[in-house]
N, C-alpha and C. Protein backbone atom coordinates (compact mmCIF):
# COMPACT_ATOMS: atom_id res chain seq x y z
N MET A 1 218.49 116.85 110.19
CA MET A 1 218.45 116.92 111.65
C MET A 1 218.58 118.39 112.07
N LYS A 2 217.66 118.86 112.89
CA LYS A 2 217.70 120.24 113.34
C LYS A 2 218.71 120.39 114.48
N VAL A 3 219.66 121.26 114.28
CA VAL A 3 220.60 121.59 115.35
C VAL A 3 220.69 123.10 115.41
N ALA A 4 220.48 123.66 116.58
CA ALA A 4 220.50 125.12 116.72
C ALA A 4 221.64 125.56 117.59
N PHE A 5 222.32 126.60 117.17
CA PHE A 5 223.34 127.22 118.00
C PHE A 5 223.13 128.73 117.96
N GLU A 6 222.72 129.28 119.09
CA GLU A 6 222.44 130.70 119.25
C GLU A 6 221.25 131.16 118.41
N THR A 7 221.28 131.00 117.08
CA THR A 7 220.14 131.38 116.26
C THR A 7 219.92 130.33 115.19
N SER A 8 218.70 130.24 114.72
CA SER A 8 218.34 129.35 113.62
C SER A 8 217.09 129.94 112.99
N PRO A 9 216.61 129.37 111.88
CA PRO A 9 215.36 129.89 111.31
C PRO A 9 214.16 129.67 112.23
N SER A 10 214.30 128.87 113.26
CA SER A 10 213.15 128.54 114.10
C SER A 10 213.22 129.10 115.51
N PHE A 11 214.40 129.32 116.05
CA PHE A 11 214.51 129.87 117.41
C PHE A 11 215.92 130.41 117.65
N ARG A 12 216.04 131.12 118.76
CA ARG A 12 217.36 131.59 119.17
C ARG A 12 217.53 131.35 120.66
N LEU A 13 218.77 131.28 121.10
CA LEU A 13 219.10 131.14 122.51
C LEU A 13 219.52 132.50 123.06
N HIS A 14 219.07 132.79 124.27
CA HIS A 14 219.41 134.06 124.90
C HIS A 14 220.76 133.97 125.60
N ASP A 15 221.55 135.01 125.46
CA ASP A 15 222.74 135.18 126.29
C ASP A 15 222.27 135.90 127.55
N PRO A 16 222.27 135.23 128.72
CA PRO A 16 221.70 135.84 129.93
C PRO A 16 222.63 136.81 130.64
N ARG A 17 223.86 136.92 130.21
CA ARG A 17 224.83 137.71 130.95
C ARG A 17 224.50 139.21 131.01
N PRO A 18 224.03 139.83 129.94
CA PRO A 18 223.65 141.25 130.06
C PRO A 18 222.51 141.48 131.06
N THR A 19 221.54 140.56 131.08
CA THR A 19 220.43 140.70 132.02
C THR A 19 220.93 140.57 133.45
N GLN A 20 221.83 139.62 133.69
CA GLN A 20 222.38 139.43 135.03
C GLN A 20 223.21 140.63 135.46
N LYS A 21 223.92 141.22 134.52
CA LYS A 21 224.73 142.40 134.85
C LYS A 21 223.86 143.56 135.26
N GLU A 22 222.69 143.71 134.62
CA GLU A 22 221.76 144.79 134.95
C GLU A 22 220.97 144.51 136.22
N ASN A 23 220.81 143.22 136.56
CA ASN A 23 219.97 142.84 137.70
C ASN A 23 220.68 141.80 138.58
N PRO A 24 221.81 142.17 139.16
CA PRO A 24 222.63 141.19 139.88
C PRO A 24 221.97 140.57 141.10
N TYR A 25 220.99 141.28 141.70
CA TYR A 25 220.36 140.77 142.92
C TYR A 25 219.13 139.92 142.64
N THR A 26 218.60 139.97 141.44
CA THR A 26 217.35 139.25 141.15
C THR A 26 217.45 138.29 139.97
N PHE A 27 218.58 138.25 139.30
CA PHE A 27 218.76 137.33 138.18
C PHE A 27 220.00 136.51 138.44
N HIS A 28 219.77 135.29 138.92
CA HIS A 28 220.88 134.43 139.35
C HIS A 28 221.36 133.57 138.19
N LEU A 29 222.68 133.44 138.06
CA LEU A 29 223.29 132.52 137.10
C LEU A 29 224.23 131.59 137.84
N PRO A 30 224.43 130.37 137.31
CA PRO A 30 225.38 129.45 137.94
C PRO A 30 226.78 130.06 137.98
N SER A 31 227.51 129.73 139.03
CA SER A 31 228.88 130.21 139.17
C SER A 31 229.81 129.48 138.20
N GLU A 32 231.00 130.02 138.03
CA GLU A 32 232.00 129.36 137.18
C GLU A 32 232.33 127.97 137.72
N GLU A 33 232.33 127.85 139.05
CA GLU A 33 232.60 126.54 139.66
C GLU A 33 231.51 125.54 139.29
N GLU A 34 230.26 125.98 139.31
CA GLU A 34 229.15 125.10 138.92
C GLU A 34 229.27 124.70 137.45
N LEU A 35 229.52 125.69 136.60
CA LEU A 35 229.59 125.42 135.16
C LEU A 35 230.71 124.44 134.83
N ALA A 36 231.78 124.47 135.63
CA ALA A 36 232.89 123.56 135.39
C ALA A 36 232.49 122.11 135.63
N GLU A 37 231.46 121.87 136.45
CA GLU A 37 231.01 120.52 136.76
C GLU A 37 230.01 119.96 135.73
N VAL A 38 229.55 120.80 134.82
CA VAL A 38 228.58 120.34 133.82
C VAL A 38 229.24 119.35 132.87
N GLY A 39 228.59 118.18 132.71
CA GLY A 39 229.14 117.14 131.83
C GLY A 39 228.03 116.32 131.23
N ILE A 40 228.38 115.20 130.64
CA ILE A 40 227.40 114.33 130.00
C ILE A 40 226.36 113.87 131.03
N GLY A 41 225.10 114.05 130.69
CA GLY A 41 224.01 113.66 131.57
C GLY A 41 223.48 114.78 132.44
N THR A 42 224.22 115.89 132.56
CA THR A 42 223.73 117.01 133.35
C THR A 42 222.52 117.65 132.67
N ILE A 43 221.54 118.02 133.47
CA ILE A 43 220.35 118.67 132.93
C ILE A 43 220.47 120.16 133.21
N VAL A 44 220.45 120.95 132.12
CA VAL A 44 220.65 122.39 132.25
C VAL A 44 219.46 123.14 131.65
N LYS A 45 219.27 124.35 132.12
CA LYS A 45 218.16 125.18 131.63
C LYS A 45 218.69 126.28 130.73
N LEU A 46 218.04 126.47 129.57
CA LEU A 46 218.38 127.51 128.61
C LEU A 46 217.13 128.35 128.34
N ILE A 47 217.33 129.54 127.79
CA ILE A 47 216.21 130.40 127.43
C ILE A 47 216.10 130.47 125.91
N PHE A 48 214.95 130.05 125.39
CA PHE A 48 214.69 130.01 123.96
C PHE A 48 213.65 131.06 123.57
N SER A 49 213.78 131.59 122.37
CA SER A 49 212.74 132.43 121.78
C SER A 49 212.48 131.97 120.36
N ALA A 50 211.23 132.05 119.94
CA ALA A 50 210.87 131.66 118.58
C ALA A 50 211.37 132.69 117.57
N VAL A 51 211.73 132.20 116.39
CA VAL A 51 212.09 133.05 115.26
C VAL A 51 211.26 132.60 114.07
N PRO A 52 210.32 133.43 113.55
CA PRO A 52 210.01 134.79 114.00
C PRO A 52 209.39 134.79 115.39
N GLU A 53 209.34 135.97 116.01
CA GLU A 53 208.91 136.11 117.40
C GLU A 53 207.50 135.58 117.63
N SER A 54 207.32 134.87 118.72
CA SER A 54 206.02 134.34 119.11
C SER A 54 205.12 135.47 119.59
N GLU A 55 203.84 135.39 119.26
CA GLU A 55 202.88 136.38 119.77
C GLU A 55 202.44 136.05 121.19
N GLN A 56 202.70 134.82 121.62
CA GLN A 56 202.23 134.37 122.94
C GLN A 56 203.28 134.53 124.02
N TYR A 57 204.55 134.22 123.70
CA TYR A 57 205.61 134.24 124.71
C TYR A 57 206.82 135.01 124.20
N ASP A 58 207.41 135.82 125.10
CA ASP A 58 208.68 136.46 124.77
C ASP A 58 209.80 135.43 124.74
N ALA A 59 209.73 134.48 125.66
CA ALA A 59 210.78 133.46 125.76
C ALA A 59 210.24 132.26 126.53
N GLU A 60 210.90 131.12 126.36
CA GLU A 60 210.55 129.91 127.10
C GLU A 60 211.82 129.33 127.71
N ARG A 61 211.76 129.07 129.01
CA ARG A 61 212.87 128.42 129.70
C ARG A 61 212.65 126.92 129.66
N MET A 62 213.62 126.20 129.12
CA MET A 62 213.45 124.75 128.96
C MET A 62 214.74 124.02 129.31
N TRP A 63 214.54 122.75 129.71
CA TRP A 63 215.65 121.91 130.12
C TRP A 63 216.24 121.17 128.91
N VAL A 64 217.55 120.99 128.97
CA VAL A 64 218.30 120.27 127.93
C VAL A 64 219.23 119.29 128.63
N ILE A 65 219.28 118.04 128.16
CA ILE A 65 220.18 117.02 128.72
C ILE A 65 221.48 117.03 127.91
N VAL A 66 222.58 117.28 128.58
CA VAL A 66 223.87 117.38 127.91
C VAL A 66 224.33 116.01 127.42
N GLU A 67 224.72 115.94 126.15
CA GLU A 67 225.24 114.69 125.57
C GLU A 67 226.70 114.79 125.18
N ARG A 68 227.19 116.01 125.02
CA ARG A 68 228.60 116.16 124.64
C ARG A 68 229.08 117.53 125.10
N ARG A 69 230.33 117.56 125.57
CA ARG A 69 230.94 118.84 125.93
C ARG A 69 232.36 118.89 125.41
N ASP A 70 232.70 120.00 124.77
CA ASP A 70 234.05 120.25 124.29
C ASP A 70 234.41 121.67 124.72
N GLY A 71 234.98 121.78 125.91
CA GLY A 71 235.28 123.10 126.45
C GLY A 71 234.01 123.86 126.76
N SER A 72 233.84 125.00 126.10
CA SER A 72 232.64 125.81 126.32
C SER A 72 231.52 125.49 125.34
N ASN A 73 231.76 124.53 124.42
CA ASN A 73 230.76 124.13 123.44
C ASN A 73 230.06 122.85 123.90
N LEU A 74 228.73 122.86 123.84
CA LEU A 74 227.97 121.71 124.31
C LEU A 74 226.89 121.31 123.30
N LEU A 75 226.54 120.05 123.36
CA LEU A 75 225.42 119.52 122.57
C LEU A 75 224.52 118.76 123.52
N GLY A 76 223.22 119.01 123.42
CA GLY A 76 222.28 118.30 124.25
C GLY A 76 220.99 118.02 123.51
N ARG A 77 220.04 117.42 124.24
CA ARG A 77 218.72 117.16 123.66
C ARG A 77 217.65 117.81 124.51
N LEU A 78 216.72 118.42 123.83
CA LEU A 78 215.65 119.14 124.52
C LEU A 78 214.82 118.17 125.35
N ASP A 79 214.59 118.54 126.62
CA ASP A 79 213.85 117.67 127.54
C ASP A 79 212.49 118.25 127.90
N ASN A 80 212.02 119.23 127.14
CA ASN A 80 210.69 119.81 127.31
C ASN A 80 209.99 119.90 125.97
N THR A 81 208.67 120.04 126.02
CA THR A 81 207.89 120.31 124.82
C THR A 81 207.59 121.81 124.78
N PRO A 82 208.08 122.52 123.78
CA PRO A 82 207.84 123.97 123.70
C PRO A 82 206.35 124.29 123.60
N GLU A 83 205.98 125.42 124.18
CA GLU A 83 204.59 125.88 124.10
C GLU A 83 204.29 126.51 122.75
N ASP A 84 205.23 127.31 122.25
CA ASP A 84 204.95 128.05 121.01
C ASP A 84 206.23 128.31 120.21
N ILE A 85 206.99 127.24 119.97
CA ILE A 85 208.12 127.30 119.05
C ILE A 85 207.92 126.14 118.08
N PRO A 86 207.15 126.33 117.03
CA PRO A 86 206.66 125.23 116.20
C PRO A 86 207.73 124.33 115.63
N ALA A 87 208.90 124.88 115.29
CA ALA A 87 209.93 124.06 114.64
C ALA A 87 210.81 123.30 115.62
N LEU A 88 210.52 123.41 116.92
CA LEU A 88 211.34 122.76 117.94
C LEU A 88 210.48 121.80 118.73
N THR A 89 210.95 120.56 118.88
CA THR A 89 210.16 119.55 119.57
C THR A 89 210.99 118.80 120.60
N LEU A 90 210.30 118.12 121.49
CA LEU A 90 210.95 117.30 122.52
C LEU A 90 211.95 116.34 121.87
N GLY A 91 213.17 116.30 122.41
CA GLY A 91 214.18 115.39 121.91
C GLY A 91 215.07 115.96 120.83
N ASP A 92 214.78 117.16 120.34
CA ASP A 92 215.62 117.76 119.31
C ASP A 92 217.01 118.07 119.87
N PRO A 93 218.05 117.91 119.05
CA PRO A 93 219.39 118.30 119.48
C PRO A 93 219.55 119.81 119.49
N VAL A 94 220.29 120.30 120.46
CA VAL A 94 220.53 121.74 120.59
C VAL A 94 222.00 121.97 120.91
N GLU A 95 222.66 122.76 120.08
CA GLU A 95 224.02 123.18 120.38
C GLU A 95 223.98 124.50 121.13
N PHE A 96 224.85 124.64 122.11
CA PHE A 96 224.88 125.87 122.89
C PHE A 96 226.24 126.06 123.52
N LYS A 97 226.43 127.26 124.04
CA LYS A 97 227.66 127.60 124.76
C LYS A 97 227.40 127.51 126.26
N ILE A 98 228.47 127.35 127.01
CA ILE A 98 228.33 127.22 128.46
C ILE A 98 227.68 128.46 129.06
N HIS A 99 227.88 129.63 128.44
CA HIS A 99 227.32 130.86 129.02
C HIS A 99 225.81 130.97 128.80
N HIS A 100 225.22 130.10 127.99
CA HIS A 100 223.77 130.13 127.81
C HIS A 100 223.02 129.50 128.99
N ILE A 101 223.71 128.79 129.85
CA ILE A 101 223.05 128.07 130.94
C ILE A 101 222.58 129.04 132.02
N VAL A 102 221.30 128.94 132.37
CA VAL A 102 220.74 129.79 133.43
C VAL A 102 220.37 128.99 134.68
N GLY A 103 220.38 127.67 134.58
CA GLY A 103 220.07 126.83 135.73
C GLY A 103 220.57 125.42 135.52
N ILE A 104 220.80 124.72 136.63
CA ILE A 104 221.30 123.34 136.57
C ILE A 104 220.51 122.50 137.56
N ASP A 105 220.04 121.35 137.10
CA ASP A 105 219.31 120.41 137.95
C ASP A 105 220.28 119.29 138.34
N TRP A 106 220.87 119.42 139.54
CA TRP A 106 221.88 118.45 139.96
C TRP A 106 221.22 117.18 140.49
N ASP A 107 221.58 116.05 139.88
CA ASP A 107 221.14 114.74 140.38
C ASP A 107 221.94 114.33 141.61
N ASP A 108 223.21 114.70 141.60
CA ASP A 108 224.14 114.32 142.66
C ASP A 108 223.85 115.16 143.91
N PRO A 109 223.43 114.53 145.03
CA PRO A 109 223.13 115.29 146.25
C PRO A 109 224.31 116.10 146.76
N GLU A 110 225.52 115.57 146.56
CA GLU A 110 226.71 116.29 147.02
C GLU A 110 226.88 117.60 146.26
N LEU A 111 226.69 117.54 144.92
CA LEU A 111 226.80 118.75 144.12
C LEU A 111 225.65 119.71 144.44
N GLN A 112 224.47 119.15 144.65
CA GLN A 112 223.32 119.98 144.98
C GLN A 112 223.56 120.73 146.28
N MET A 113 224.13 120.06 147.26
CA MET A 113 224.43 120.69 148.54
C MET A 113 225.54 121.73 148.39
N ARG A 114 226.57 121.39 147.61
CA ARG A 114 227.71 122.29 147.46
C ARG A 114 227.32 123.60 146.79
N PHE A 115 226.37 123.51 145.86
CA PHE A 115 226.01 124.69 145.10
C PHE A 115 224.69 125.32 145.54
N SER A 116 224.19 124.92 146.71
CA SER A 116 223.01 125.58 147.23
C SER A 116 223.38 127.01 147.62
N ASN A 117 222.44 127.92 147.55
CA ASN A 117 222.73 129.31 147.87
C ASN A 117 221.53 129.95 148.54
N ASP A 118 221.76 131.15 149.07
CA ASP A 118 220.68 131.88 149.75
C ASP A 118 220.20 133.04 148.89
N PHE A 119 220.21 132.83 147.57
CA PHE A 119 219.83 133.89 146.64
C PHE A 119 218.42 134.41 146.92
N ASN A 120 217.54 133.55 147.45
CA ASN A 120 216.15 133.97 147.70
C ASN A 120 216.03 135.08 148.73
N LYS A 121 217.10 135.33 149.48
CA LYS A 121 217.01 136.39 150.49
C LYS A 121 216.74 137.75 149.86
N TRP A 122 217.09 137.91 148.60
CA TRP A 122 216.88 139.19 147.92
C TRP A 122 215.45 139.37 147.43
N PHE A 123 214.59 138.36 147.65
CA PHE A 123 213.22 138.45 147.18
C PHE A 123 212.23 138.82 148.29
N GLY A 124 212.72 139.00 149.51
CA GLY A 124 211.87 139.54 150.55
C GLY A 124 211.37 140.91 150.13
N ARG A 125 210.15 141.26 150.50
CA ARG A 125 209.52 142.47 149.98
C ARG A 125 209.81 143.71 150.82
N CYS A 126 209.63 144.86 150.17
CA CYS A 126 209.79 146.15 150.83
C CYS A 126 208.92 147.16 150.10
N PHE A 127 208.73 148.33 150.72
CA PHE A 127 208.08 149.44 150.06
C PHE A 127 209.16 150.44 149.64
N VAL A 128 209.04 150.94 148.41
CA VAL A 128 210.06 151.86 147.89
C VAL A 128 209.39 152.92 147.02
N ASP A 129 209.91 154.14 147.08
CA ASP A 129 209.43 155.19 146.19
C ASP A 129 209.72 154.81 144.74
N ASP A 130 208.74 155.03 143.88
CA ASP A 130 208.93 154.70 142.47
C ASP A 130 210.06 155.51 141.84
N ALA A 131 210.34 156.68 142.39
CA ALA A 131 211.43 157.50 141.84
C ALA A 131 212.76 156.76 141.90
N VAL A 132 212.93 155.89 142.90
CA VAL A 132 214.16 155.09 142.99
C VAL A 132 214.13 153.99 141.93
N LEU A 133 213.01 153.29 141.81
CA LEU A 133 212.91 152.22 140.82
C LEU A 133 213.08 152.76 139.40
N GLU A 134 212.61 153.97 139.18
CA GLU A 134 212.70 154.57 137.85
C GLU A 134 214.01 155.31 137.62
N ARG A 135 214.91 155.23 138.61
CA ARG A 135 216.23 155.86 138.54
C ARG A 135 216.15 157.38 138.38
N ARG A 136 215.10 157.98 138.89
CA ARG A 136 215.01 159.43 138.90
C ARG A 136 215.68 160.02 140.13
N ALA A 137 215.94 159.19 141.11
CA ALA A 137 216.60 159.64 142.34
C ALA A 137 217.27 158.44 143.01
N ARG A 138 218.32 158.73 143.75
CA ARG A 138 218.98 157.68 144.51
C ARG A 138 218.23 157.47 145.83
N VAL A 139 218.60 156.42 146.54
CA VAL A 139 218.05 156.19 147.88
C VAL A 139 218.58 157.28 148.80
N GLY A 140 217.68 157.86 149.62
CA GLY A 140 218.10 158.92 150.53
C GLY A 140 217.85 158.62 151.99
N TYR A 141 216.86 157.75 152.26
CA TYR A 141 216.47 157.49 153.65
C TYR A 141 215.86 156.10 153.71
N VAL A 142 216.31 155.29 154.68
CA VAL A 142 215.77 153.95 154.84
C VAL A 142 215.41 153.72 156.29
N TYR A 143 214.33 153.01 156.52
CA TYR A 143 213.95 152.66 157.88
C TYR A 143 213.24 151.31 157.88
N ARG A 144 213.21 150.69 159.05
CA ARG A 144 212.60 149.36 159.15
C ARG A 144 211.52 149.37 160.22
N GLU A 145 210.35 148.87 159.82
CA GLU A 145 209.23 148.78 160.75
C GLU A 145 208.69 147.36 160.76
N ASP A 146 207.71 147.11 161.60
CA ASP A 146 207.13 145.77 161.67
C ASP A 146 206.53 145.39 160.33
N SER A 147 206.66 144.12 159.99
CA SER A 147 206.10 143.61 158.74
C SER A 147 204.59 143.79 158.72
N GLU A 148 204.06 144.11 157.54
CA GLU A 148 202.62 144.29 157.38
C GLU A 148 201.93 143.06 156.81
N HIS A 149 202.72 142.03 156.52
CA HIS A 149 202.15 140.87 155.83
C HIS A 149 202.43 139.59 156.61
N GLU A 150 201.69 138.57 156.26
CA GLU A 150 201.79 137.30 156.96
C GLU A 150 203.13 136.63 156.71
N GLU A 151 203.66 135.99 157.74
CA GLU A 151 204.94 135.29 157.62
C GLU A 151 204.86 134.13 156.65
N GLU A 152 203.62 133.62 156.39
CA GLU A 152 203.48 132.48 155.49
C GLU A 152 203.65 132.87 154.03
N ASP A 153 203.68 134.18 153.75
CA ASP A 153 203.87 134.61 152.37
C ASP A 153 205.15 134.00 151.82
N LYS A 154 205.12 133.64 150.55
CA LYS A 154 206.32 133.05 149.93
C LYS A 154 207.51 133.98 150.08
N TYR A 155 207.29 135.27 149.84
CA TYR A 155 208.33 136.28 150.03
C TYR A 155 207.79 137.34 150.99
N PRO A 156 207.98 137.15 152.28
CA PRO A 156 207.37 138.05 153.28
C PRO A 156 207.97 139.45 153.26
N ASP A 157 207.24 140.35 153.84
CA ASP A 157 207.67 141.73 153.99
C ASP A 157 208.87 141.79 154.93
N THR A 158 209.95 142.44 154.49
CA THR A 158 211.14 142.58 155.33
C THR A 158 210.97 143.69 156.37
N GLY A 159 210.00 144.57 156.14
CA GLY A 159 209.82 145.72 157.01
C GLY A 159 210.59 146.95 156.55
N TRP A 160 211.45 146.80 155.54
CA TRP A 160 212.23 147.94 155.07
C TRP A 160 211.39 148.87 154.21
N ARG A 161 211.58 150.16 154.44
CA ARG A 161 210.91 151.22 153.68
C ARG A 161 212.00 152.13 153.11
N ILE A 162 211.98 152.34 151.81
CA ILE A 162 213.07 153.05 151.14
C ILE A 162 212.53 154.30 150.47
N ARG A 163 213.04 155.45 150.90
CA ARG A 163 212.60 156.73 150.35
C ARG A 163 213.68 157.32 149.44
N ALA A 164 213.21 158.05 148.45
CA ALA A 164 214.13 158.70 147.52
C ALA A 164 214.84 159.88 148.19
N ASP A 165 215.97 160.25 147.63
CA ASP A 165 216.74 161.40 148.12
C ASP A 165 215.96 162.67 147.81
N VAL A 166 215.52 163.38 148.82
CA VAL A 166 214.71 164.58 148.65
C VAL A 166 215.45 165.66 147.88
N GLU A 167 216.77 165.66 147.95
CA GLU A 167 217.56 166.67 147.26
C GLU A 167 217.50 166.50 145.74
N GLN A 168 217.12 165.33 145.28
CA GLN A 168 217.09 165.08 143.84
C GLN A 168 215.69 165.20 143.24
N LEU A 169 214.73 165.55 144.09
CA LEU A 169 213.35 165.72 143.64
C LEU A 169 212.81 167.03 144.16
N SER A 170 211.83 167.58 143.48
CA SER A 170 211.15 168.73 144.04
C SER A 170 210.34 168.27 145.25
N GLN A 171 209.96 169.19 146.12
CA GLN A 171 209.18 168.81 147.29
C GLN A 171 207.86 168.18 146.87
N GLU A 172 207.26 168.70 145.80
CA GLU A 172 206.01 168.14 145.30
C GLU A 172 206.20 166.71 144.81
N GLU A 173 207.29 166.50 144.07
CA GLU A 173 207.58 165.14 143.59
C GLU A 173 207.78 164.19 144.76
N TYR A 174 208.52 164.67 145.76
CA TYR A 174 208.82 163.82 146.91
C TYR A 174 207.54 163.47 147.69
N ASP A 175 206.67 164.46 147.86
CA ASP A 175 205.44 164.23 148.62
C ASP A 175 204.46 163.34 147.87
N ASP A 176 204.45 163.47 146.55
CA ASP A 176 203.42 162.79 145.75
C ASP A 176 203.90 161.54 145.03
N THR A 177 205.20 161.24 145.10
CA THR A 177 205.68 160.08 144.36
C THR A 177 205.02 158.81 144.88
N PRO A 178 204.48 157.99 144.00
CA PRO A 178 203.89 156.73 144.46
C PRO A 178 204.97 155.77 144.92
N CYS A 179 204.56 154.74 145.63
CA CYS A 179 205.50 153.72 146.07
C CYS A 179 205.03 152.35 145.59
N SER A 180 205.94 151.41 145.58
CA SER A 180 205.63 150.06 145.13
C SER A 180 206.09 149.05 146.18
N TYR A 181 205.42 147.91 146.19
CA TYR A 181 205.78 146.80 147.07
C TYR A 181 206.49 145.77 146.21
N VAL A 182 207.82 145.69 146.34
CA VAL A 182 208.63 144.88 145.43
C VAL A 182 209.68 144.09 146.21
N ALA A 183 210.35 143.20 145.49
CA ALA A 183 211.50 142.50 146.07
C ALA A 183 212.58 143.52 146.40
N ILE A 184 213.20 143.34 147.55
CA ILE A 184 214.25 144.30 147.94
C ILE A 184 215.41 144.24 146.97
N GLY A 185 215.60 143.08 146.33
CA GLY A 185 216.64 142.97 145.31
C GLY A 185 216.40 143.88 144.13
N ALA A 186 215.12 144.15 143.81
CA ALA A 186 214.81 145.06 142.70
C ALA A 186 215.29 146.47 143.01
N VAL A 187 215.24 146.85 144.30
CA VAL A 187 215.76 148.16 144.70
C VAL A 187 217.29 148.14 144.65
N LEU A 188 217.89 147.07 145.16
CA LEU A 188 219.34 146.97 145.17
C LEU A 188 219.93 146.97 143.76
N ASN A 189 219.18 146.47 142.79
CA ASN A 189 219.64 146.54 141.41
C ASN A 189 219.84 147.99 140.97
N ARG A 190 219.05 148.89 141.52
CA ARG A 190 219.15 150.32 141.17
C ARG A 190 220.17 151.04 142.03
N ASP A 191 220.19 150.69 143.33
CA ASP A 191 221.06 151.40 144.27
C ASP A 191 221.30 150.48 145.47
N ASP A 192 222.48 149.94 145.58
CA ASP A 192 222.76 149.00 146.68
C ASP A 192 223.62 149.62 147.77
N SER A 193 223.57 150.93 147.87
CA SER A 193 224.39 151.63 148.86
C SER A 193 224.02 151.27 150.30
N PHE A 194 222.82 150.72 150.52
CA PHE A 194 222.37 150.41 151.88
C PHE A 194 222.35 148.91 152.16
N VAL A 195 222.93 148.10 151.29
CA VAL A 195 222.84 146.65 151.45
C VAL A 195 223.44 146.19 152.78
N HIS A 196 224.45 146.88 153.27
CA HIS A 196 225.10 146.49 154.52
C HIS A 196 224.23 146.74 155.75
N LEU A 197 223.11 147.42 155.58
CA LEU A 197 222.22 147.75 156.70
C LEU A 197 221.08 146.76 156.87
N LEU A 198 220.93 145.82 155.96
CA LEU A 198 219.72 145.00 155.92
C LEU A 198 219.54 144.07 157.11
N SER A 199 220.58 143.84 157.87
CA SER A 199 220.44 143.00 159.06
C SER A 199 220.07 143.81 160.30
N GLU A 200 219.94 145.12 160.16
CA GLU A 200 219.58 145.98 161.29
C GLU A 200 218.15 145.67 161.74
N PRO A 201 217.86 145.83 163.04
CA PRO A 201 216.54 145.43 163.58
C PRO A 201 215.44 146.43 163.27
N VAL A 202 214.20 145.99 163.52
CA VAL A 202 213.03 146.86 163.40
C VAL A 202 213.25 148.10 164.29
N GLY A 203 212.89 149.25 163.77
CA GLY A 203 213.09 150.50 164.48
C GLY A 203 214.29 151.28 163.99
N SER A 204 215.15 150.62 163.22
CA SER A 204 216.36 151.28 162.71
C SER A 204 215.99 152.28 161.61
N ARG A 205 216.72 153.42 161.61
CA ARG A 205 216.51 154.46 160.61
C ARG A 205 217.86 155.05 160.22
N PHE A 206 218.04 155.26 158.92
CA PHE A 206 219.32 155.75 158.44
C PHE A 206 219.11 156.81 157.36
N LEU A 207 219.87 157.89 157.48
CA LEU A 207 219.82 158.98 156.50
C LEU A 207 221.13 158.99 155.72
N ARG A 208 221.01 159.08 154.42
CA ARG A 208 222.20 159.08 153.58
C ARG A 208 222.90 160.44 153.66
N THR A 209 224.24 160.40 153.73
CA THR A 209 225.02 161.63 153.75
C THR A 209 225.32 162.05 152.31
N GLN A 210 226.19 163.05 152.15
CA GLN A 210 226.52 163.52 150.81
C GLN A 210 227.15 162.42 149.96
N GLY A 211 227.90 161.55 150.59
CA GLY A 211 228.50 160.44 149.86
C GLY A 211 227.58 159.24 149.88
N ASP A 212 228.16 158.04 149.98
CA ASP A 212 227.38 156.81 150.00
C ASP A 212 227.25 156.24 151.40
N SER A 213 227.68 156.96 152.42
CA SER A 213 227.56 156.46 153.78
C SER A 213 226.22 156.87 154.37
N TYR A 214 225.84 156.20 155.47
CA TYR A 214 224.55 156.46 156.11
C TYR A 214 224.77 156.77 157.59
N GLU A 215 224.02 157.73 158.08
CA GLU A 215 224.06 158.07 159.50
C GLU A 215 222.82 157.51 160.18
N ARG A 216 223.04 156.90 161.34
CA ARG A 216 221.91 156.36 162.08
C ARG A 216 221.10 157.50 162.70
N CYS A 217 219.78 157.43 162.51
CA CYS A 217 218.89 158.43 163.11
C CYS A 217 218.36 157.90 164.43
N GLN A 218 217.89 158.79 165.26
CA GLN A 218 217.32 158.38 166.53
C GLN A 218 216.09 157.52 166.28
N GLU A 219 216.02 156.40 166.94
CA GLU A 219 214.88 155.50 166.75
C GLU A 219 213.63 156.09 167.38
N GLU A 220 212.51 155.93 166.66
CA GLU A 220 211.26 156.45 167.18
C GLU A 220 210.71 155.50 168.23
N GLU A 221 210.13 156.06 169.25
CA GLU A 221 209.55 155.24 170.33
C GLU A 221 208.13 154.82 169.96
């Protein structure tokens, strides 16, 4: 009987905690309170990778039905058919730790309601200098203008525009740095010094001071 815990000759389970630590605004994990409710019959999502590494997929996220729990140690059965992990099949038993869980499918409406969150708010889009995304410069200036995209977009434009700190780049770099249209959470993962400003209205402009505070600039007419 194939049973895998963290690694096996056929696959390994990812520990998602380092990824979440690096990307707190865009990589959501269940809270400790949620994990405490996981028990027999709960359907949880884990991240698997083939061993040796698959040429088609870096990883596959799949559901597992919990059959046994002993503290932080769990045993379940795979509830998906892997795309490219040949030695793993639907119904196989999988041993894992509570920290391997990246998602929970709550059958109980009460639990589903209790653990609902507004994590998607960090996926609204913005324009940002690539120098910020590449960690070559901190955020130096932020302003909000009318959205350029349709409201029906799954993740609409927030209107926020984020510029790099000119003091950390040459004038040529600052003038020529490309920008990207990304989730605002991707910017906050690099520099969240302006997160408290995100509820400010269209027309708002803020310049970063020497520290991490921001001064409001005169709004353009």
